[in-house]
Amino acid sequence: MNNHKNIYKKRRLNAWAFIFILSSIALGLSYLPAFAGLGISPLIIAVILGAILGNTAHSTVKFIARSGVLAICTKQILRLGVIFYGFRLTVSDALSVGFGGIISAFIVVFSTFLIGYFLGLRLGLDKKSAVLISSGSSICGAAAVLATESVTKGGANRVGIAVCTVVVFGTLGMFLYPLGFAIGATGLSEAAAGFMSGISLHEVAHAVAAGNAIGDKAGEIAVITKMLRVLMLVPFLIFLSIFSLFFIGEKGKGGLRASFPYFAVWFLVAVLVGSLPFFPRSTLPFINFIDTFLLCMAMGALGLTITKNALKNAGKTPFILATILFIWLIFIGYILGKIFG
């Protein structure tokens, strides 16, 4: 009996070591100029690496899945990573862009999600796919898709497709926004262009890269407005949980209490704790590093379960929806940037 336990523990340790190495490689690659210069998030790299391995090293994936490590990474570690994400935003940051910034974040998140959801259904997507793709466009890219998956239970393949749309259109916007500002096509001030970048681009990395390419002031405003959208993850997940029967097509087991995303509330607690005047700000780089690593573990684990056939069979519809949402984000981002930027 003890021998069997020792074998199980050894296998579990090997599975954890595999996920740890995968996450480390993803994080390390994100610092290389080729990736850092393009603003490619380590989360994106992690899910791509995971998907490559998941479709080539089949026996390894089965081994890790049997160990239970994949389930832990895509549930408990994912939620811990989302909670730690809250330390990236403070109440003073939110207030620095004024009431207009908060209202803008709310408008963008919920309008984009609702447009994407209903349009996705009209295009023929299932409810869970429509929810995941729309959440990735409306809030904070891959991290939002991951957090939403914890409520929708949409599966790794739907997550993979949603993340692909984030990669394509977030990266496209990251290049288009600075180019549009440089040639004077937008007619926006630097501050307004930064506001537009943060309020409408998909990933935090996309908003940071686009804002800094426009200018220092634009970069600072882009980060703050983008993090305000991240903050909207809390009311969004609660909203999605309450109306899960309508938006997802199924009710959480045990009712609202069982399906309520308590980790979203802890995310808000992290924001408040990080805003306290006596909170040691010097620890934030370390906290953010740990948080990024945890999310890389979750993304890498999800990537391992994404199959190429599912992505192939998804067809053009998810990208048609993402294209329309991208155009909407440019439009609403420009209007709000003109008003509040």
C-alpha atoms as a PDB file:
ATOM      1  CA  MET A   1       0.000   0.000   0.000  1.00  0.00           C
ATOM      2  CA  ASN A   2       2.791   2.422   0.969  1.00  0.00           C
ATOM      3  CA  ASN A   3       4.595   1.545  -2.256  1.00  0.00           C
ATOM      4  CA  HIS A   4       1.527   2.529  -4.292  1.00  0.00           C
ATOM      5  CA  LYS A   5       1.271   5.820  -2.380  1.00  0.00           C
ATOM      6  CA  ASN A   6       4.925   6.593  -3.042  1.00  0.00           C
ATOM      7  CA  ILE A   7       4.494   5.893  -6.756  1.00  0.00           C
ATOM      8  CA  TYR A   8       1.416   8.164  -6.868  1.00  0.00           C
ATOM      9  CA  LYS A   9       3.260  10.960  -5.043  1.00  0.00           C
ATOM     10  CA  LYS A  10       6.222  10.650  -7.400  1.00  0.00           C
ATOM     11  CA  ARG A  11       3.951  10.834 -10.448  1.00  0.00           C
ATOM     12  CA  ARG A  12       2.171  13.846  -9.016  1.00  0.00           C
ATOM     13  CA  LEU A  13       5.481  15.600  -8.345  1.00  0.00           C
ATOM     14  CA  ASN A  14       6.584  14.876 -11.920  1.00  0.00           C
ATOM     15  CA  ALA A  15       3.330  16.353 -13.228  1.00  0.00           C
ATOM     16  CA  TRP A  16       3.812  19.499 -11.141  1.00  0.00           C
ATOM     17  CA  ALA A  17       7.415  19.737 -12.367  1.00  0.00           C
ATOM     18  CA  PHE A  18       6.203  19.572 -15.982  1.00  0.00           C
ATOM     19  CA  ILE A  19       3.675  22.388 -15.464  1.00  0.00           C
ATOM     20  CA  PHE A  20       6.280  24.434 -13.567  1.00  0.00           C
ATOM     21  CA  ILE A  21       8.835  24.078 -16.375  1.00  0.00           C
ATOM     22  CA  LEU A  22       6.227  24.889 -19.034  1.00  0.00           C
ATOM     23  CA  SER A  23       5.217  28.052 -17.153  1.00  0.00           C
ATOM     24  CA  SER A  24       8.844  29.063 -16.595  1.00  0.00           C
ATOM     25  CA  ILE A  25       9.623  28.732 -20.307  1.00  0.00           C
ATOM     26  CA  ALA A  26       6.552  30.810 -21.216  1.00  0.00           C
ATOM     27  CA  LEU A  27       7.502  33.515 -18.732  1.00  0.00           C
ATOM     28  CA  GLY A  28      11.121  33.489 -19.878  1.00  0.00           C
ATOM     29  CA  LEU A  29      10.168  33.780 -23.550  1.00  0.00           C
ATOM     30  CA  SER A  30       7.955  36.790 -22.796  1.00  0.00           C
ATOM     31  CA  TYR A  31      11.063  38.753 -21.733  1.00  0.00           C
ATOM     32  CA  LEU A  32      12.831  38.179 -25.060  1.00  0.00           C
ATOM     33  CA  PRO A  33      12.822  41.254 -27.337  1.00  0.00           C
ATOM     34  CA  ALA A  34      10.960  39.357 -30.061  1.00  0.00           C
ATOM     35  CA  PHE A  35       7.995  38.837 -27.729  1.00  0.00           C
ATOM     36  CA  ALA A  36       8.329  41.800 -25.365  1.00  0.00           C
ATOM     37  CA  GLY A  37       8.560  44.234 -28.275  1.00  0.00           C
ATOM     38  CA  LEU A  38       5.249  42.968 -29.631  1.00  0.00           C
ATOM     39  CA  GLY A  39       3.609  43.092 -26.202  1.00  0.00           C
ATOM     40  CA  ILE A  40       2.837  39.362 -26.293  1.00  0.00           C
ATOM     41  CA  SER A  41       1.633  38.279 -22.864  1.00  0.00           C
ATOM     42  CA  PRO A  42       3.271  35.262 -21.162  1.00  0.00           C
ATOM     43  CA  LEU A  43      -0.268  33.920 -20.702  1.00  0.00           C
ATOM     44  CA  ILE A  44      -0.667  33.745 -24.472  1.00  0.00           C
ATOM     45  CA  ILE A  45       2.720  32.063 -24.847  1.00  0.00           C
ATOM     46  CA  ALA A  46       1.801  29.543 -22.126  1.00  0.00           C
ATOM     47  CA  VAL A  47      -1.454  28.479 -23.787  1.00  0.00           C
ATOM     48  CA  ILE A  48       0.242  28.181 -27.196  1.00  0.00           C
ATOM     49  CA  LEU A  49       3.079  26.062 -25.778  1.00  0.00           C
ATOM     50  CA  GLY A  50       0.540  23.952 -23.916  1.00  0.00           C
ATOM     51  CA  ALA A  51      -1.527  23.441 -27.079  1.00  0.00           C
ATOM     52  CA  ILE A  52       1.562  22.426 -29.081  1.00  0.00           C
ATOM     53  CA  LEU A  53       2.561  19.872 -26.449  1.00  0.00           C
ATOM     54  CA  GLY A  54      -1.045  18.742 -25.996  1.00  0.00           C
ATOM     55  CA  ASN A  55      -1.259  17.815 -29.660  1.00  0.00           C
ATOM     56  CA  THR A  56       2.141  16.127 -29.861  1.00  0.00           C
ATOM     57  CA  ALA A  57       2.969  14.605 -26.455  1.00  0.00           C
ATOM     58  CA  HIS A  58      -0.300  12.699 -25.946  1.00  0.00           C
ATOM     59  CA  SER A  59       1.025  10.208 -23.388  1.00  0.00           C
ATOM     60  CA  THR A  60       2.449  13.023 -21.250  1.00  0.00           C
ATOM     61  CA  VAL A  61      -0.869  14.877 -21.253  1.00  0.00           C
ATOM     62  CA  LYS A  62      -2.735  11.727 -20.200  1.00  0.00           C
ATOM     63  CA  PHE A  63      -0.225  11.184 -17.415  1.00  0.00           C
ATOM     64  CA  ILE A  64      -0.631  14.744 -16.100  1.00  0.00           C
ATOM     65  CA  ALA A  65      -4.424  14.565 -16.374  1.00  0.00           C
ATOM     66  CA  ARG A  66      -4.550  11.326 -14.359  1.00  0.00           C
ATOM     67  CA  SER A  67      -2.439  12.927 -11.634  1.00  0.00           C
ATOM     68  CA  GLY A  68      -5.147  15.538 -10.990  1.00  0.00           C
ATOM     69  CA  VAL A  69      -2.688  18.411 -11.523  1.00  0.00           C
ATOM     70  CA  LEU A  70      -4.501  19.775 -14.596  1.00  0.00           C
ATOM     71  CA  ALA A  71      -7.745  20.086 -12.640  1.00  0.00           C
ATOM     72  CA  ILE A  72      -6.014  21.958  -9.805  1.00  0.00           C
ATOM     73  CA  CYS A  73      -4.265  24.344 -12.220  1.00  0.00           C
ATOM     74  CA  THR A  74      -7.452  25.205 -14.104  1.00  0.00           C
ATOM     75  CA  LYS A  75      -9.509  25.718 -10.948  1.00  0.00           C
ATOM     76  CA  GLN A  76      -7.771  26.592  -7.671  1.00  0.00           C
ATOM     77  CA  ILE A  77      -4.570  28.054  -9.160  1.00  0.00           C
ATOM     78  CA  LEU A  78      -6.528  29.962 -11.773  1.00  0.00           C
ATOM     79  CA  ARG A  79      -8.749  31.554  -9.124  1.00  0.00           C
ATOM     80  CA  LEU A  80      -5.753  32.408  -6.944  1.00  0.00           C
ATOM     81  CA  GLY A  81      -4.130  34.081  -9.946  1.00  0.00           C
ATOM     82  CA  VAL A  82      -7.255  36.149 -10.604  1.00  0.00           C
ATOM     83  CA  ILE A  83      -7.362  37.219  -6.938  1.00  0.00           C
ATOM     84  CA  PHE A  84      -3.712  38.321  -6.992  1.00  0.00           C
ATOM     85  CA  TYR A  85      -4.457  40.284 -10.171  1.00  0.00           C
ATOM     86  CA  GLY A  86      -6.323  42.725  -7.936  1.00  0.00           C
ATOM     87  CA  PHE A  87      -3.066  44.050  -6.484  1.00  0.00           C
ATOM     88  CA  ARG A  88      -2.288  45.655  -9.850  1.00  0.00           C
ATOM     89  CA  LEU A  89      -4.952  48.326  -9.331  1.00  0.00           C
ATOM     90  CA  THR A  90      -5.480  50.772  -6.465  1.00  0.00           C
ATOM     91  CA  VAL A  91      -8.450  52.933  -5.593  1.00  0.00           C
ATOM     92  CA  SER A  92      -6.334  56.067  -6.156  1.00  0.00           C
ATOM     93  CA  ASP A  93      -5.480  54.831  -9.682  1.00  0.00           C
ATOM     94  CA  ALA A  94      -9.177  54.403 -10.408  1.00  0.00           C
ATOM     95  CA  LEU A  95     -10.014  57.860  -9.100  1.00  0.00           C
ATOM     96  CA  SER A  96      -7.153  59.500 -11.008  1.00  0.00           C
ATOM     97  CA  VAL A  97      -9.029  59.183 -14.324  1.00  0.00           C
ATOM     98  CA  GLY A  98     -12.221  60.448 -12.728  1.00  0.00           C
ATOM     99  CA  PHE A  99     -15.801  59.311 -12.845  1.00  0.00           C
ATOM    100  CA  GLY A 100     -15.705  59.344 -16.642  1.00  0.00           C
ATOM    101  CA  GLY A 101     -13.100  56.589 -16.671  1.00  0.00           C
ATOM    102  CA  ILE A 102     -15.173  54.346 -14.408  1.00  0.00           C
ATOM    103  CA  ILE A 103     -18.345  54.937 -16.422  1.00  0.00           C
ATOM    104  CA  SER A 104     -16.432  54.313 -19.655  1.00  0.00           C
ATOM    105  CA  ALA A 105     -15.079  51.001 -18.367  1.00  0.00           C
ATOM    106  CA  PHE A 106     -18.587  49.906 -17.379  1.00  0.00           C
ATOM    107  CA  ILE A 107     -20.043  50.904 -20.757  1.00  0.00           C
ATOM    108  CA  VAL A 108     -17.336  49.145 -22.761  1.00  0.00           C
ATOM    109  CA  VAL A 109     -17.414  45.907 -20.766  1.00  0.00           C
ATOM    110  CA  PHE A 110     -21.158  45.356 -20.663  1.00  0.00           C
ATOM    111  CA  SER A 111     -22.036  46.763 -24.097  1.00  0.00           C
ATOM    112  CA  THR A 112     -19.318  44.679 -25.779  1.00  0.00           C
ATOM    113  CA  PHE A 113     -20.344  41.539 -23.928  1.00  0.00           C
ATOM    114  CA  LEU A 114     -24.061  41.903 -24.679  1.00  0.00           C
ATOM    115  CA  ILE A 115     -23.473  42.765 -28.347  1.00  0.00           C
ATOM    116  CA  GLY A 116     -21.072  39.849 -28.693  1.00  0.00           C
ATOM    117  CA  TYR A 117     -23.349  37.392 -26.919  1.00  0.00           C
ATOM    118  CA  PHE A 118     -26.522  38.056 -28.897  1.00  0.00           C
ATOM    119  CA  LEU A 119     -24.669  38.489 -32.179  1.00  0.00           C
ATOM    120  CA  GLY A 120     -22.778  35.251 -31.533  1.00  0.00           C
ATOM    121  CA  LEU A 121     -26.043  33.380 -31.148  1.00  0.00           C
ATOM    122  CA  ARG A 122     -27.372  34.910 -34.376  1.00  0.00           C
ATOM    123  CA  LEU A 123     -24.198  33.766 -36.148  1.00  0.00           C
ATOM    124  CA  GLY A 124     -24.782  30.212 -34.937  1.00  0.00           C
ATOM    125  CA  LEU A 125     -22.395  29.927 -31.991  1.00  0.00           C
ATOM    126  CA  ASP A 126     -23.424  28.027 -28.874  1.00  0.00           C
ATOM    127  CA  LYS A 127     -24.043  30.049 -25.712  1.00  0.00           C
ATOM    128  CA  LYS A 128     -20.799  29.167 -23.940  1.00  0.00           C
ATOM    129  CA  SER A 129     -18.637  30.027 -26.962  1.00  0.00           C
ATOM    130  CA  ALA A 130     -20.439  33.345 -27.366  1.00  0.00           C
ATOM    131  CA  VAL A 131     -19.888  34.152 -23.677  1.00  0.00           C
ATOM    132  CA  LEU A 132     -16.173  33.286 -23.709  1.00  0.00           C
ATOM    133  CA  ILE A 133     -15.338  35.145 -26.939  1.00  0.00           C
ATOM    134  CA  SER A 134     -17.318  38.198 -25.830  1.00  0.00           C
ATOM    135  CA  SER A 135     -15.711  38.269 -22.373  1.00  0.00           C
ATOM    136  CA  GLY A 136     -12.220  38.124 -23.897  1.00  0.00           C
ATOM    137  CA  SER A 137     -12.967  41.166 -26.055  1.00  0.00           C
ATOM    138  CA  SER A 138     -14.838  43.135 -23.413  1.00  0.00           C
ATOM    139  CA  ILE A 139     -12.637  42.879 -20.300  1.00  0.00           C
ATOM    140  CA  CYS A 140      -8.999  41.789 -20.253  1.00  0.00           C
ATOM    141  CA  GLY A 141      -8.284  39.181 -22.879  1.00  0.00           C
ATOM    142  CA  ALA A 142      -6.966  35.776 -21.876  1.00  0.00           C
ATOM    143  CA  ALA A 143      -7.290  36.417 -18.129  1.00  0.00           C
ATOM    144  CA  ALA A 144     -10.978  37.283 -18.580  1.00  0.00           C
ATOM    145  CA  VAL A 145     -11.562  34.173 -20.681  1.00  0.00           C
ATOM    146  CA  LEU A 146      -9.982  32.079 -17.938  1.00  0.00           C
ATOM    147  CA  ALA A 147     -12.012  33.717 -15.188  1.00  0.00           C
ATOM    148  CA  THR A 148     -15.228  33.389 -17.209  1.00  0.00           C
ATOM    149  CA  GLU A 149     -14.498  29.711 -17.877  1.00  0.00           C
ATOM    150  CA  SER A 150     -14.691  29.097 -14.123  1.00  0.00           C
ATOM    151  CA  VAL A 151     -18.357  30.137 -14.307  1.00  0.00           C
ATOM    152  CA  THR A 152     -19.353  28.804 -17.750  1.00  0.00           C
ATOM    153  CA  LYS A 153     -17.491  25.447 -17.606  1.00  0.00           C
ATOM    154  CA  GLY A 154     -17.128  25.789 -21.357  1.00  0.00           C
ATOM    155  CA  GLY A 155     -14.160  23.467 -21.738  1.00  0.00           C
ATOM    156  CA  ALA A 156     -10.605  23.895 -22.955  1.00  0.00           C
ATOM    157  CA  ASN A 157     -11.421  23.896 -26.667  1.00  0.00           C
ATOM    158  CA  ARG A 158     -13.860  26.804 -26.369  1.00  0.00           C
ATOM    159  CA  VAL A 159     -11.292  28.627 -24.244  1.00  0.00           C
ATOM    160  CA  GLY A 160      -8.614  28.011 -26.866  1.00  0.00           C
ATOM    161  CA  ILE A 161     -10.759  29.498 -29.620  1.00  0.00           C
ATOM    162  CA  ALA A 162     -11.619  32.551 -27.480  1.00  0.00           C
ATOM    163  CA  VAL A 163      -7.941  33.111 -26.649  1.00  0.00           C
ATOM    164  CA  CYS A 164      -7.050  32.884 -30.355  1.00  0.00           C
ATOM    165  CA  THR A 165      -9.431  35.764 -31.105  1.00  0.00           C
ATOM    166  CA  VAL A 166      -7.788  37.813 -28.341  1.00  0.00           C
ATOM    167  CA  VAL A 167      -4.323  37.179 -29.773  1.00  0.00           C
ATOM    168  CA  VAL A 168      -5.280  38.124 -33.333  1.00  0.00           C
ATOM    169  CA  PHE A 169      -7.311  41.275 -32.739  1.00  0.00           C
ATOM    170  CA  GLY A 170      -5.502  42.529 -29.648  1.00  0.00           C
ATOM    171  CA  THR A 171      -2.180  42.378 -31.486  1.00  0.00           C
ATOM    172  CA  LEU A 172      -3.695  44.028 -34.573  1.00  0.00           C
ATOM    173  CA  GLY A 173      -5.059  46.895 -32.473  1.00  0.00           C
ATOM    174  CA  MET A 174      -1.730  47.291 -30.698  1.00  0.00           C
ATOM    175  CA  PHE A 175      -0.152  48.238 -34.051  1.00  0.00           C
ATOM    176  CA  LEU A 176      -3.083  50.139 -35.560  1.00  0.00           C
ATOM    177  CA  TYR A 177      -3.665  52.543 -32.648  1.00  0.00           C
ATOM    178  CA  PRO A 178      -0.150  54.089 -32.550  1.00  0.00           C
ATOM    179  CA  LEU A 179      -0.082  54.189 -36.370  1.00  0.00           C
ATOM    180  CA  GLY A 180      -3.418  55.996 -36.503  1.00  0.00           C
ATOM    181  CA  PHE A 181      -2.194  58.532 -33.933  1.00  0.00           C
ATOM    182  CA  ALA A 182       1.146  59.050 -35.720  1.00  0.00           C
ATOM    183  CA  ILE A 183      -0.443  59.888 -39.074  1.00  0.00           C
ATOM    184  CA  GLY A 184      -3.085  62.076 -37.441  1.00  0.00           C
ATOM    185  CA  ALA A 185      -5.998  59.884 -38.563  1.00  0.00           C
ATOM    186  CA  THR A 186      -7.732  59.942 -35.173  1.00  0.00           C
ATOM    187  CA  GLY A 187      -7.509  63.644 -34.371  1.00  0.00           C
ATOM    188  CA  LEU A 188      -7.098  62.736 -30.692  1.00  0.00           C
ATOM    189  CA  SER A 189      -4.719  64.305 -28.193  1.00  0.00           C
ATOM    190  CA  GLU A 190      -2.043  62.081 -26.666  1.00  0.00           C
ATOM    191  CA  ALA A 191      -4.072  61.736 -23.468  1.00  0.00           C
ATOM    192  CA  ALA A 192      -7.239  60.859 -25.390  1.00  0.00           C
ATOM    193  CA  ALA A 193      -5.356  58.313 -27.521  1.00  0.00           C
ATOM    194  CA  GLY A 194      -4.029  56.691 -24.345  1.00  0.00           C
ATOM    195  CA  PHE A 195      -7.539  56.622 -22.918  1.00  0.00           C
ATOM    196  CA  MET A 196      -8.820  54.968 -26.107  1.00  0.00           C
ATOM    197  CA  SER A 197      -6.041  52.357 -26.004  1.00  0.00           C
ATOM    198  CA  GLY A 198      -6.754  51.345 -22.416  1.00  0.00           C
ATOM    199  CA  ILE A 199     -10.521  51.387 -22.721  1.00  0.00           C
ATOM    200  CA  SER A 200     -10.711  49.277 -25.890  1.00  0.00           C
ATOM    201  CA  LEU A 201      -7.681  47.003 -26.417  1.00  0.00           C
ATOM    202  CA  HIS A 202      -7.912  43.377 -25.341  1.00  0.00           C
ATOM    203  CA  GLU A 203      -4.915  42.407 -23.168  1.00  0.00           C
ATOM    204  CA  VAL A 204      -3.195  44.554 -20.542  1.00  0.00           C
ATOM    205  CA  ALA A 205       0.020  44.000 -22.516  1.00  0.00           C
ATOM    206  CA  HIS A 206      -1.658  45.279 -25.694  1.00  0.00           C
ATOM    207  CA  ALA A 207      -2.850  48.463 -23.964  1.00  0.00           C
ATOM    208  CA  VAL A 208       0.551  49.085 -22.359  1.00  0.00           C
ATOM    209  CA  ALA A 209       2.448  48.560 -25.628  1.00  0.00           C
ATOM    210  CA  ALA A 210       0.093  50.752 -27.685  1.00  0.00           C
ATOM    211  CA  GLY A 211      -0.025  53.512 -25.065  1.00  0.00           C
ATOM    212  CA  ASN A 212       3.751  53.690 -24.687  1.00  0.00           C
ATOM    213  CA  ALA A 213       4.192  53.705 -28.465  1.00  0.00           C
ATOM    214  CA  ILE A 214       1.969  56.803 -28.588  1.00  0.00           C
ATOM    215  CA  GLY A 215       3.765  58.603 -25.750  1.00  0.00           C
ATOM    216  CA  ASP A 216       4.656  58.542 -22.054  1.00  0.00           C
ATOM    217  CA  LYS A 217       1.471  60.286 -20.949  1.00  0.00           C
ATOM    218  CA  ALA A 218      -0.628  58.041 -23.168  1.00  0.00           C
ATOM    219  CA  GLY A 219       1.079  54.986 -21.703  1.00  0.00           C
ATOM    220  CA  GLU A 220       0.264  56.034 -18.144  1.00  0.00           C
ATOM    221  CA  ILE A 221      -3.398  56.729 -18.928  1.00  0.00           C
ATOM    222  CA  ALA A 222      -3.716  53.516 -20.973  1.00  0.00           C
ATOM    223  CA  VAL A 223      -2.588  51.399 -18.017  1.00  0.00           C
ATOM    224  CA  ILE A 224      -5.043  53.018 -15.592  1.00  0.00           C
ATOM    225  CA  THR A 225      -8.055  52.858 -17.908  1.00  0.00           C
ATOM    226  CA  LYS A 226      -7.215  49.261 -18.831  1.00  0.00           C
ATOM    227  CA  MET A 227      -7.056  48.273 -15.164  1.00  0.00           C
ATOM    228  CA  LEU A 228     -10.450  49.894 -14.625  1.00  0.00           C
ATOM    229  CA  ARG A 229     -11.806  47.448 -17.185  1.00  0.00           C
ATOM    230  CA  VAL A 230     -10.081  44.646 -15.294  1.00  0.00           C
ATOM    231  CA  LEU A 231     -11.889  45.832 -12.153  1.00  0.00           C
ATOM    232  CA  MET A 232     -15.182  45.334 -13.998  1.00  0.00           C
ATOM    233  CA  LEU A 233     -14.401  41.610 -13.919  1.00  0.00           C
ATOM    234  CA  VAL A 234     -16.010  41.517 -10.450  1.00  0.00           C
ATOM    235  CA  PRO A 235     -19.499  42.831 -11.339  1.00  0.00           C
ATOM    236  CA  PHE A 236     -19.330  40.972 -14.652  1.00  0.00           C
ATOM    237  CA  LEU A 237     -18.721  37.550 -13.069  1.00  0.00           C
ATOM    238  CA  ILE A 238     -21.402  38.170 -10.451  1.00  0.00           C
ATOM    239  CA  PHE A 239     -23.804  39.253 -13.206  1.00  0.00           C
ATOM    240  CA  LEU A 240     -22.954  36.153 -15.248  1.00  0.00           C
ATOM    241  CA  SER A 241     -23.376  33.880 -12.243  1.00  0.00           C
ATOM    242  CA  ILE A 242     -26.791  35.307 -11.323  1.00  0.00           C
ATOM    243  CA  PHE A 243     -28.085  35.023 -14.890  1.00  0.00           C
ATOM    244  CA  SER A 244     -26.230  31.799 -15.732  1.00  0.00           C
ATOM    245  CA  LEU A 245     -29.428  30.000 -16.727  1.00  0.00           C
ATOM    246  CA  PHE A 246     -30.086  32.621 -19.403  1.00  0.00           C
ATOM    247  CA  PHE A 247     -26.555  33.293 -20.670  1.00  0.00           C
ATOM    248  CA  ILE A 248     -25.036  29.831 -20.310  1.00  0.00           C
ATOM    249  CA  GLY A 249     -28.092  27.639 -20.674  1.00  0.00           C
ATOM    250  CA  GLU A 250     -27.714  25.856 -17.369  1.00  0.00           C
ATOM    251  CA  LYS A 251     -28.058  26.644 -13.702  1.00  0.00           C
ATOM    252  CA  GLY A 252     -25.170  26.125 -11.311  1.00  0.00           C
ATOM    253  CA  LYS A 253     -25.469  22.994  -9.200  1.00  0.00           C
ATOM    254  CA  GLY A 254     -26.751  23.866  -5.760  1.00  0.00           C
ATOM    255  CA  GLY A 255     -28.158  27.205  -6.911  1.00  0.00           C
ATOM    256  CA  LEU A 256     -26.627  30.673  -6.830  1.00  0.00           C
ATOM    257  CA  ARG A 257     -24.716  30.129  -3.609  1.00  0.00           C
ATOM    258  CA  ALA A 258     -22.842  27.162  -5.049  1.00  0.00           C
ATOM    259  CA  SER A 259     -22.038  28.838  -8.370  1.00  0.00           C
ATOM    260  CA  PHE A 260     -21.303  32.325  -7.015  1.00  0.00           C
ATOM    261  CA  PRO A 261     -17.753  33.405  -8.008  1.00  0.00           C
ATOM    262  CA  TYR A 262     -16.393  34.169  -4.548  1.00  0.00           C
ATOM    263  CA  PHE A 263     -12.886  34.545  -5.956  1.00  0.00           C
ATOM    264  CA  ALA A 264     -14.131  37.712  -7.735  1.00  0.00           C
ATOM    265  CA  VAL A 265     -14.975  39.194  -4.340  1.00  0.00           C
ATOM    266  CA  TRP A 266     -11.482  38.306  -3.097  1.00  0.00           C
ATOM    267  CA  PHE A 267     -10.137  40.049  -6.206  1.00  0.00           C
ATOM    268  CA  LEU A 268     -11.875  43.208  -4.972  1.00  0.00           C
ATOM    269  CA  VAL A 269     -10.448  42.651  -1.478  1.00  0.00           C
ATOM    270  CA  ALA A 270      -6.958  42.503  -3.027  1.00  0.00           C
ATOM    271  CA  VAL A 271      -7.607  45.866  -4.709  1.00  0.00           C
ATOM    272  CA  LEU A 272      -8.650  47.403  -1.376  1.00  0.00           C
ATOM    273  CA  VAL A 273      -5.746  45.879   0.560  1.00  0.00           C
ATOM    274  CA  GLY A 274      -3.270  47.061  -2.061  1.00  0.00           C
ATOM    275  CA  SER A 275      -4.766  50.555  -1.751  1.00  0.00           C
ATOM    276  CA  LEU A 276      -4.100  50.861   1.991  1.00  0.00           C
ATOM    277  CA  PRO A 277      -1.579  53.612   2.794  1.00  0.00           C
ATOM    278  CA  PHE A 278       0.579  51.267   4.871  1.00  0.00           C
ATOM    279  CA  PHE A 279       0.640  48.491   2.261  1.00  0.00           C
ATOM    280  CA  PRO A 280       4.308  47.809   1.338  1.00  0.00           C
ATOM    281  CA  ARG A 281       4.412  48.919  -2.288  1.00  0.00           C
ATOM    282  CA  SER A 282       7.916  47.490  -2.654  1.00  0.00           C
ATOM    283  CA  THR A 283       6.401  43.995  -2.597  1.00  0.00           C
ATOM    284  CA  LEU A 284       4.222  44.611  -5.668  1.00  0.00           C
ATOM    285  CA  PRO A 285       6.798  43.530  -8.297  1.00  0.00           C
ATOM    286  CA  PHE A 286       7.172  40.215  -6.473  1.00  0.00           C
ATOM    287  CA  ILE A 287       3.382  39.782  -6.087  1.00  0.00           C
ATOM    288  CA  ASN A 288       2.817  40.595  -9.761  1.00  0.00           C
ATOM    289  CA  PHE A 289       5.525  38.114 -10.779  1.00  0.00           C
ATOM    290  CA  ILE A 290       3.959  35.338  -8.697  1.00  0.00           C
ATOM    291  CA  ASP A 291       0.540  36.231 -10.064  1.00  0.00           C
ATOM    292  CA  THR A 292       1.737  36.084 -13.673  1.00  0.00           C
ATOM    293  CA  PHE A 293       3.366  32.724 -13.002  1.00  0.00           C
ATOM    294  CA  LEU A 294       0.172  31.314 -11.469  1.00  0.00           C
ATOM    295  CA  LEU A 295      -1.852  32.455 -14.488  1.00  0.00           C
ATOM    296  CA  CYS A 296       0.782  30.943 -16.797  1.00  0.00           C
ATOM    297  CA  MET A 297       0.326  27.633 -14.985  1.00  0.00           C
ATOM    298  CA  ALA A 298      -3.441  27.829 -15.515  1.00  0.00           C
ATOM    299  CA  MET A 299      -3.095  28.810 -19.179  1.00  0.00           C
ATOM    300  CA  GLY A 300      -0.454  26.165 -19.853  1.00  0.00           C
ATOM    301  CA  ALA A 301      -2.642  23.489 -18.258  1.00  0.00           C
ATOM    302  CA  LEU A 302      -5.619  24.575 -20.359  1.00  0.00           C
ATOM    303  CA  GLY A 303      -3.462  24.574 -23.470  1.00  0.00           C
ATOM    304  CA  LEU A 304      -2.517  20.936 -22.880  1.00  0.00           C
ATOM    305  CA  THR A 305      -6.156  19.934 -23.282  1.00  0.00           C
ATOM    306  CA  ILE A 306      -6.863  21.949 -26.465  1.00  0.00           C
ATOM    307  CA  THR A 307      -7.128  19.723 -29.526  1.00  0.00           C
ATOM    308  CA  LYS A 308      -6.258  20.858 -33.041  1.00  0.00           C
ATOM    309  CA  ASN A 309      -9.396  19.204 -34.421  1.00  0.00           C
ATOM    310  CA  ALA A 310     -11.597  21.366 -32.187  1.00  0.00           C
ATOM    311  CA  LEU A 311      -9.878  24.542 -33.398  1.00  0.00           C
ATOM    312  CA  LYS A 312     -10.134  23.347 -36.996  1.00  0.00           C
ATOM    313  CA  ASN A 313     -13.815  22.500 -36.643  1.00  0.00           C
ATOM    314  CA  ALA A 314     -14.610  25.880 -35.050  1.00  0.00           C
ATOM    315  CA  GLY A 315     -14.590  27.446 -38.503  1.00  0.00           C
ATOM    316  CA  LYS A 316     -14.741  31.139 -39.314  1.00  0.00           C
ATOM    317  CA  THR A 317     -17.688  32.113 -37.128  1.00  0.00           C
ATOM    318  CA  PRO A 318     -15.728  32.905 -33.919  1.00  0.00           C
ATOM    319  CA  PHE A 319     -13.421  35.186 -35.900  1.00  0.00           C
ATOM    320  CA  ILE A 320     -16.320  36.877 -37.681  1.00  0.00           C
ATOM    321  CA  LEU A 321     -17.782  37.680 -34.258  1.00  0.00           C
ATOM    322  CA  ALA A 322     -14.401  38.849 -32.951  1.00  0.00           C
ATOM    323  CA  THR A 323     -13.941  41.077 -36.014  1.00  0.00           C
ATOM    324  CA  ILE A 324     -17.273  42.805 -35.424  1.00  0.00           C
ATOM    325  CA  LEU A 325     -16.447  43.262 -31.731  1.00  0.00           C
ATOM    326  CA  PHE A 326     -13.051  44.704 -32.657  1.00  0.00           C
ATOM    327  CA  ILE A 327     -14.717  47.281 -34.915  1.00  0.00           C
ATOM    328  CA  TRP A 328     -17.178  48.088 -32.119  1.00  0.00           C
ATOM    329  CA  LEU A 329     -14.320  48.533 -29.612  1.00  0.00           C
ATOM    330  CA  ILE A 330     -12.539  50.950 -31.950  1.00  0.00           C
ATOM    331  CA  PHE A 331     -15.740  52.945 -32.394  1.00  0.00           C
ATOM    332  CA  ILE A 332     -16.788  53.107 -28.733  1.00  0.00           C
ATOM    333  CA  GLY A 333     -13.167  53.610 -27.620  1.00  0.00           C
ATOM    334  CA  TYR A 334     -12.794  56.573 -29.960  1.00  0.00           C
ATOM    335  CA  ILE A 335     -16.057  58.188 -28.798  1.00  0.00           C
ATOM    336  CA  LEU A 336     -15.216  57.755 -25.102  1.00  0.00           C
ATOM    337  CA  GLY A 337     -11.642  58.910 -25.637  1.00  0.00           C
ATOM    338  CA  LYS A 338     -12.948  62.048 -27.343  1.00  0.00           C
ATOM    339  CA  ILE A 339     -15.309  62.744 -24.451  1.00  0.00           C
ATOM    340  CA  PHE A 340     -13.268  61.779 -21.383  1.00  0.00           C
ATOM    341  CA  GLY A 341      -9.653  61.588 -22.583  1.00  0.00           C
END
